[in-house]
Amino acid sequence: MIGYPGGIGMMGGAGWGFFGGILMTLFWIFVIAGIVWLVLAVTRAQGRGERGSTALSILAERLARGEIDAAEYRIRRAAIEESAK
């Protein structure tokens, strides 16, 4: 209502005022920080899977070069696959 002495309405002072702006800013900071955290968590989780496959490829290369025999290859491969679980 226009002219109401209680100040309800546009610019009447019944809203959150300055604190509403602060709360809105904090809300968006938390939303953006949450999105960044989620993206980092997903990319780090994908990176862990690459380490396991890299270890297996290194092990296969060692077998191909003759540095280890087939029995040692099977033992080490089982250990790598067990640690990846």
C-alpha atoms as a PDB file:
ATOM      1  CA  MET A   1       0.000   0.000   0.000  1.00  0.00           C
ATOM      2  CA  ILE A   2       1.396   3.321  -0.996  1.00  0.00           C
ATOM      3  CA  GLY A   3       1.901   5.751   1.832  1.00  0.00           C
ATOM      4  CA  TYR A   4       1.476   3.169   4.594  1.00  0.00           C
ATOM      5  CA  PRO A   5       3.348   4.453   7.663  1.00  0.00           C
ATOM      6  CA  GLY A   6       4.665   0.976   8.529  1.00  0.00           C
ATOM      7  CA  GLY A   7       6.933   1.114   5.514  1.00  0.00           C
ATOM      8  CA  ILE A   8       5.790  -2.037   3.751  1.00  0.00           C
ATOM      9  CA  GLY A   9       6.375  -1.895   0.045  1.00  0.00           C
ATOM     10  CA  MET A  10       9.082  -0.705  -2.257  1.00  0.00           C
ATOM     11  CA  MET A  11      11.991   0.876  -0.409  1.00  0.00           C
ATOM     12  CA  GLY A  12       9.883   0.914   2.743  1.00  0.00           C
ATOM     13  CA  GLY A  13      12.411  -0.820   4.962  1.00  0.00           C
ATOM     14  CA  ALA A  14      10.490  -4.021   5.685  1.00  0.00           C
ATOM     15  CA  GLY A  15      12.901  -6.152   3.599  1.00  0.00           C
ATOM     16  CA  TRP A  16      16.296  -7.552   4.475  1.00  0.00           C
ATOM     17  CA  GLY A  17      18.109  -4.405   3.450  1.00  0.00           C
ATOM     18  CA  PHE A  18      21.902  -4.504   3.622  1.00  0.00           C
ATOM     19  CA  PHE A  19      21.976  -7.965   5.200  1.00  0.00           C
ATOM     20  CA  GLY A  20      19.974  -9.382   2.321  1.00  0.00           C
ATOM     21  CA  GLY A  21      22.725  -8.316  -0.061  1.00  0.00           C
ATOM     22  CA  ILE A  22      25.363  -9.919   2.135  1.00  0.00           C
ATOM     23  CA  LEU A  23      23.374 -13.138   2.424  1.00  0.00           C
ATOM     24  CA  MET A  24      22.816 -13.256  -1.327  1.00  0.00           C
ATOM     25  CA  THR A  25      26.534 -12.758  -1.955  1.00  0.00           C
ATOM     26  CA  LEU A  26      27.437 -15.506   0.527  1.00  0.00           C
ATOM     27  CA  PHE A  27      24.887 -17.813  -1.067  1.00  0.00           C
ATOM     28  CA  TRP A  28      26.452 -17.418  -4.515  1.00  0.00           C
ATOM     29  CA  ILE A  29      29.958 -17.807  -3.126  1.00  0.00           C
ATOM     30  CA  PHE A  30      28.939 -21.130  -1.560  1.00  0.00           C
ATOM     31  CA  VAL A  31      27.207 -22.287  -4.750  1.00  0.00           C
ATOM     32  CA  ILE A  32      30.258 -21.493  -6.886  1.00  0.00           C
ATOM     33  CA  ALA A  33      32.644 -23.054  -4.335  1.00  0.00           C
ATOM     34  CA  GLY A  34      30.491 -26.187  -4.290  1.00  0.00           C
ATOM     35  CA  ILE A  35      30.598 -26.480  -8.064  1.00  0.00           C
ATOM     36  CA  VAL A  36      34.387 -26.023  -8.083  1.00  0.00           C
ATOM     37  CA  TRP A  37      34.771 -28.640  -5.331  1.00  0.00           C
ATOM     38  CA  LEU A  38      32.577 -31.100  -7.249  1.00  0.00           C
ATOM     39  CA  VAL A  39      34.543 -30.642 -10.474  1.00  0.00           C
ATOM     40  CA  LEU A  40      37.858 -31.128  -8.655  1.00  0.00           C
ATOM     41  CA  ALA A  41      36.601 -34.235  -6.851  1.00  0.00           C
ATOM     42  CA  VAL A  42      35.440 -35.816 -10.111  1.00  0.00           C
ATOM     43  CA  THR A  43      38.660 -35.033 -11.990  1.00  0.00           C
ATOM     44  CA  ARG A  44      40.821 -36.335  -9.135  1.00  0.00           C
ATOM     45  CA  ALA A  45      38.800 -39.558  -8.980  1.00  0.00           C
ATOM     46  CA  GLN A  46      39.338 -40.100 -12.711  1.00  0.00           C
ATOM     47  CA  GLY A  47      43.064 -39.475 -12.264  1.00  0.00           C
ATOM     48  CA  ARG A  48      43.345 -42.306  -9.727  1.00  0.00           C
ATOM     49  CA  GLY A  49      42.153 -44.819 -12.300  1.00  0.00           C
ATOM     50  CA  GLU A  50      44.903 -43.776 -14.702  1.00  0.00           C
ATOM     51  CA  ARG A  51      47.616 -44.557 -12.156  1.00  0.00           C
ATOM     52  CA  GLY A  52      46.518 -48.181 -11.905  1.00  0.00           C
ATOM     53  CA  SER A  53      46.557 -48.678 -15.659  1.00  0.00           C
ATOM     54  CA  THR A  54      49.936 -46.957 -15.851  1.00  0.00           C
ATOM     55  CA  ALA A  55      51.333 -49.371 -13.274  1.00  0.00           C
ATOM     56  CA  LEU A  56      50.024 -52.293 -15.293  1.00  0.00           C
ATOM     57  CA  SER A  57      51.482 -50.938 -18.516  1.00  0.00           C
ATOM     58  CA  ILE A  58      54.884 -50.455 -16.852  1.00  0.00           C
ATOM     59  CA  LEU A  59      54.694 -54.009 -15.545  1.00  0.00           C
ATOM     60  CA  ALA A  60      53.856 -55.303 -19.036  1.00  0.00           C
ATOM     61  CA  GLU A  61      56.793 -53.364 -20.486  1.00  0.00           C
ATOM     62  CA  ARG A  62      59.134 -54.914 -17.899  1.00  0.00           C
ATOM     63  CA  LEU A  63      57.889 -58.367 -18.897  1.00  0.00           C
ATOM     64  CA  ALA A  64      58.393 -57.557 -22.580  1.00  0.00           C
ATOM     65  CA  ARG A  65      61.950 -56.354 -21.947  1.00  0.00           C
ATOM     66  CA  GLY A  66      62.715 -59.537 -20.020  1.00  0.00           C
ATOM     67  CA  GLU A  67      63.358 -57.791 -16.699  1.00  0.00           C
ATOM     68  CA  ILE A  68      60.838 -60.074 -14.963  1.00  0.00           C
ATOM     69  CA  ASP A  69      59.546 -63.540 -15.765  1.00  0.00           C
ATOM     70  CA  ALA A  70      55.911 -64.596 -16.298  1.00  0.00           C
ATOM     71  CA  ALA A  71      55.471 -65.888 -12.732  1.00  0.00           C
ATOM     72  CA  GLU A  72      56.636 -62.606 -11.207  1.00  0.00           C
ATOM     73  CA  TYR A  73      54.432 -60.712 -13.668  1.00  0.00           C
ATOM     74  CA  ARG A  74      51.337 -62.625 -12.525  1.00  0.00           C
ATOM     75  CA  ILE A  75      52.152 -62.045  -8.829  1.00  0.00           C
ATOM     76  CA  ARG A  76      52.748 -58.325  -9.258  1.00  0.00           C
ATOM     77  CA  ARG A  77      49.717 -57.881 -11.512  1.00  0.00           C
ATOM     78  CA  ALA A  78      47.495 -59.527  -8.889  1.00  0.00           C
ATOM     79  CA  ALA A  79      48.942 -57.203  -6.230  1.00  0.00           C
ATOM     80  CA  ILE A  80      48.281 -54.101  -8.375  1.00  0.00           C
ATOM     81  CA  GLU A  81      44.731 -55.166  -9.177  1.00  0.00           C
ATOM     82  CA  GLU A  82      44.062 -55.928  -5.498  1.00  0.00           C
ATOM     83  CA  SER A  83      45.337 -52.535  -4.363  1.00  0.00           C
ATOM     84  CA  ALA A  84      43.153 -50.787  -6.961  1.00  0.00           C
ATOM     85  CA  LYS A  85      39.974 -52.217  -5.386  1.00  0.00           C
END
